[in-house]
C-alpha atoms as a PDB file:
ATOM      1  CA  MET A   1       2.601  12.593  84.021  1.00  0.00           C
ATOM      2  CA  ARG A   2       4.369  11.332  80.638  1.00  0.00           C
ATOM      3  CA  LYS A   3       6.864  10.031  82.572  1.00  0.00           C
ATOM      4  CA  PHE A   4       5.373   8.288  84.928  1.00  0.00           C
ATOM      5  CA  LEU A   5       2.988   6.691  82.033  1.00  0.00           C
ATOM      6  CA  LEU A   6       6.350   5.960  79.993  1.00  0.00           C
ATOM      7  CA  ALA A   7       7.995   4.221  83.132  1.00  0.00           C
ATOM      8  CA  ALA A   8       4.293   2.279  84.192  1.00  0.00           C
ATOM      9  CA  GLY A   9       4.292   1.267  80.362  1.00  0.00           C
ATOM     10  CA  LEU A  10       7.857  -0.177  80.593  1.00  0.00           C
ATOM     11  CA  VAL A  11       7.248  -1.912  83.963  1.00  0.00           C
ATOM     12  CA  ILE A  12       4.284  -3.853  82.632  1.00  0.00           C
ATOM     13  CA  ALA A  13       5.941  -4.258  78.989  1.00  0.00           C
ATOM     14  CA  LEU A  14       9.346  -5.831  80.703  1.00  0.00           C
ATOM     15  CA  PRO A  15       8.132  -9.262  82.569  1.00  0.00           C
ATOM     16  CA  SER A  16       6.489 -10.467  79.326  1.00  0.00           C
ATOM     17  CA  PHE A  17       9.632  -9.504  77.443  1.00  0.00           C
ATOM     18  CA  ALA A  18      11.883 -11.171  80.057  1.00  0.00           C
ATOM     19  CA  MET A  19       9.737 -14.119  79.768  1.00  0.00           C
ATOM     20  CA  ALA A  20       9.643 -14.299  75.611  1.00  0.00           C
ATOM     21  CA  GLN A  21      13.750 -13.574  76.223  1.00  0.00           C
ATOM     22  CA  ASP A  22      13.690 -16.999  78.544  1.00  0.00           C
ATOM     23  CA  ALA A  23      11.705 -19.182  76.498  1.00  0.00           C
ATOM     24  CA  ALA A  24      14.059 -18.159  73.513  1.00  0.00           C
ATOM     25  CA  ASN A  25      17.262 -19.014  75.465  1.00  0.00           C
ATOM     26  CA  GLY A  26      15.259 -22.298  76.450  1.00  0.00           C
ATOM     27  CA  GLU A  27      13.865 -22.836  72.656  1.00  0.00           C
ATOM     28  CA  SER A  28      18.291 -23.387  72.345  1.00  0.00           C
ATOM     29  CA  VAL A  29      18.843 -25.080  75.546  1.00  0.00           C
ATOM     30  CA  PHE A  30      16.359 -28.033  74.183  1.00  0.00           C
ATOM     31  CA  LYS A  31      18.561 -28.217  71.643  1.00  0.00           C
ATOM     32  CA  LYS A  32      20.887 -30.683  74.152  1.00  0.00           C
ATOM     33  CA  CYS A  33      17.458 -32.937  74.711  1.00  0.00           C
ATOM     34  CA  LYS A  34      16.503 -32.850  70.953  1.00  0.00           C
ATOM     35  CA  ALA A  35      17.972 -36.325  70.335  1.00  0.00           C
ATOM     36  CA  CYS A  36      16.192 -38.000  72.634  1.00  0.00           C
ATOM     37  CA  HIS A  37      12.868 -36.053  73.139  1.00  0.00           C
ATOM     38  CA  ALA A  38      10.448 -34.042  70.824  1.00  0.00           C
ATOM     39  CA  VAL A  39       7.719 -31.176  71.159  1.00  0.00           C
ATOM     40  CA  ASP A  40       5.710 -32.421  67.855  1.00  0.00           C
ATOM     41  CA  GLY A  41       3.593 -35.053  70.375  1.00  0.00           C
ATOM     42  CA  LYS A  42       5.770 -37.956  69.137  1.00  0.00           C
ATOM     43  CA  ASN A  43       7.828 -40.211  70.855  1.00  0.00           C
ATOM     44  CA  LYS A  44      11.526 -40.648  70.397  1.00  0.00           C
ATOM     45  CA  VAL A  45      14.017 -42.524  72.298  1.00  0.00           C
ATOM     46  CA  GLY A  46      12.556 -40.559  75.160  1.00  0.00           C
ATOM     47  CA  PRO A  47       8.821 -39.254  75.818  1.00  0.00           C
ATOM     48  CA  HIS A  48       7.583 -36.548  73.795  1.00  0.00           C
ATOM     49  CA  LEU A  49       7.399 -33.408  75.860  1.00  0.00           C
ATOM     50  CA  ASN A  50       4.232 -31.785  75.098  1.00  0.00           C
ATOM     51  CA  GLY A  51       2.458 -30.745  77.748  1.00  0.00           C
ATOM     52  CA  VAL A  52       5.003 -31.924  80.593  1.00  0.00           C
ATOM     53  CA  VAL A  53       4.154 -29.301  82.915  1.00  0.00           C
ATOM     54  CA  GLY A  54       1.442 -30.440  85.450  1.00  0.00           C
ATOM     55  CA  ARG A  55       2.177 -34.197  83.968  1.00  0.00           C
ATOM     56  CA  LYS A  56       2.176 -36.684  85.929  1.00  0.00           C
ATOM     57  CA  ALA A  57       5.942 -38.281  85.917  1.00  0.00           C
ATOM     58  CA  GLY A  58       5.613 -41.877  83.323  1.00  0.00           C
ATOM     59  CA  ALA A  59       2.470 -40.990  81.812  1.00  0.00           C
ATOM     60  CA  VAL A  60       2.780 -40.704  78.431  1.00  0.00           C
ATOM     61  CA  GLU A  61       0.993 -43.299  76.653  1.00  0.00           C
ATOM     62  CA  GLY A  62       2.888 -45.583  74.253  1.00  0.00           C
ATOM     63  CA  PHE A  63       6.247 -45.009  75.776  1.00  0.00           C
ATOM     64  CA  ASN A  64       7.995 -47.485  78.043  1.00  0.00           C
ATOM     65  CA  TYR A  65       9.175 -45.788  81.029  1.00  0.00           C
ATOM     66  CA  SER A  66      11.414 -47.437  83.728  1.00  0.00           C
ATOM     67  CA  ASP A  67       9.382 -48.489  87.003  1.00  0.00           C
ATOM     68  CA  ALA A  68      11.311 -45.622  88.569  1.00  0.00           C
ATOM     69  CA  MET A  69       9.610 -43.122  86.887  1.00  0.00           C
ATOM     70  CA  LYS A  70       6.212 -44.789  86.523  1.00  0.00           C
ATOM     71  CA  ASN A  71       6.355 -45.313  90.204  1.00  0.00           C
ATOM     72  CA  SER A  72       8.047 -41.947  91.146  1.00  0.00           C
ATOM     73  CA  GLY A  73       5.195 -40.475  92.350  1.00  0.00           C
ATOM     74  CA  LYS A  74       5.917 -37.157  90.648  1.00  0.00           C
ATOM     75  CA  THR A  75       3.658 -34.609  89.039  1.00  0.00           C
ATOM     76  CA  TRP A  76       5.925 -32.048  87.117  1.00  0.00           C
ATOM     77  CA  ASP A  77       5.860 -28.395  87.969  1.00  0.00           C
ATOM     78  CA  GLU A  78       8.597 -25.816  87.656  1.00  0.00           C
ATOM     79  CA  ALA A  79      10.027 -26.925  90.969  1.00  0.00           C
ATOM     80  CA  SER A  80      10.433 -30.708  90.229  1.00  0.00           C
ATOM     81  CA  LEU A  81      11.378 -30.198  86.572  1.00  0.00           C
ATOM     82  CA  ASP A  82      14.055 -27.989  88.145  1.00  0.00           C
ATOM     83  CA  ALA A  83      15.231 -30.516  90.459  1.00  0.00           C
ATOM     84  CA  TYR A  84      14.989 -33.773  87.731  1.00  0.00           C
ATOM     85  CA  LEU A  85      16.791 -31.416  85.067  1.00  0.00           C
ATOM     86  CA  ALA A  86      19.815 -30.609  87.644  1.00  0.00           C
ATOM     87  CA  ASP A  87      20.428 -34.409  88.308  1.00  0.00           C
ATOM     88  CA  PRO A  88      18.617 -36.892  86.523  1.00  0.00           C
ATOM     89  CA  LYS A  89      19.899 -39.851  88.034  1.00  0.00           C
ATOM     90  CA  GLY A  90      20.346 -38.278  91.858  1.00  0.00           C
ATOM     91  CA  ASN A  91      16.825 -37.275  91.253  1.00  0.00           C
ATOM     92  CA  ILE A  92      14.612 -40.356  90.530  1.00  0.00           C
ATOM     93  CA  PRO A  93      17.346 -43.157  90.865  1.00  0.00           C
ATOM     94  CA  GLY A  94      16.867 -45.994  88.327  1.00  0.00           C
ATOM     95  CA  ASN A  95      15.317 -43.764  85.594  1.00  0.00           C
ATOM     96  CA  LYS A  96      16.239 -44.424  82.225  1.00  0.00           C
ATOM     97  CA  MET A  97      17.321 -41.282  81.091  1.00  0.00           C
ATOM     98  CA  VAL A  98      21.532 -41.129  80.632  1.00  0.00           C
ATOM     99  CA  PHE A  99      21.479 -37.157  80.069  1.00  0.00           C
ATOM    100  CA  VAL A 100      23.791 -36.066  83.077  1.00  0.00           C
ATOM    101  CA  GLY A 101      21.457 -32.826  83.374  1.00  0.00           C
ATOM    102  CA  VAL A 102      21.829 -28.902  82.976  1.00  0.00           C
ATOM    103  CA  LYS A 103      23.654 -27.920  85.596  1.00  0.00           C
ATOM    104  CA  ASP A 104      23.101 -24.008  84.372  1.00  0.00           C
ATOM    105  CA  GLU A 105      20.520 -22.593  86.715  1.00  0.00           C
ATOM    106  CA  LYS A 106      19.106 -20.056  84.141  1.00  0.00           C
ATOM    107  CA  ASP A 107      19.156 -22.337  81.357  1.00  0.00           C
ATOM    108  CA  ARG A 108      17.138 -25.253  83.260  1.00  0.00           C
ATOM    109  CA  LYS A 109      15.018 -22.219  84.447  1.00  0.00           C
ATOM    110  CA  ASP A 110      14.887 -21.030  80.632  1.00  0.00           C
ATOM    111  CA  LEU A 111      14.369 -24.486  79.879  1.00  0.00           C
ATOM    112  CA  ILE A 112      11.216 -25.185  81.677  1.00  0.00           C
ATOM    113  CA  ALA A 113       9.669 -21.488  80.673  1.00  0.00           C
ATOM    114  CA  TYR A 114      10.047 -22.960  76.798  1.00  0.00           C
ATOM    115  CA  LEU A 115       8.696 -26.488  78.114  1.00  0.00           C
ATOM    116  CA  ALA A 116       5.685 -25.241  79.688  1.00  0.00           C
ATOM    117  CA  ALA A 117       4.870 -22.978  76.633  1.00  0.00           C
ATOM    118  CA  GLN A 118       4.654 -26.833  74.671  1.00  0.00           C
ATOM    119  CA  LYS A 119       1.123 -27.618  74.923  1.00  0.00           C
END
């Protein structure tokens, strides 16, 4: 019985541990983004990314977005962020972001997990 309880406890604990690991790696991946974006609520060359998950694209007040971004009709969720971060220019042609994207799928997922935690 004790082995069962220990195993059950590990199964319950591992997902939260894995998420924390992913977000930690995502924070490291975010270093590529820091030249243009912040998670302190302040716009830089790019808009701040606090609360990006669930936000309509092109909606940060005070940031001058391209018409392509403002008119993209996207709301950022895990799938739309994943597609955009993989190929920003291909996903929203005409947007102003000059970054080539995050090609590694795990890094993108981890980055999205990190951004989701930035409220």
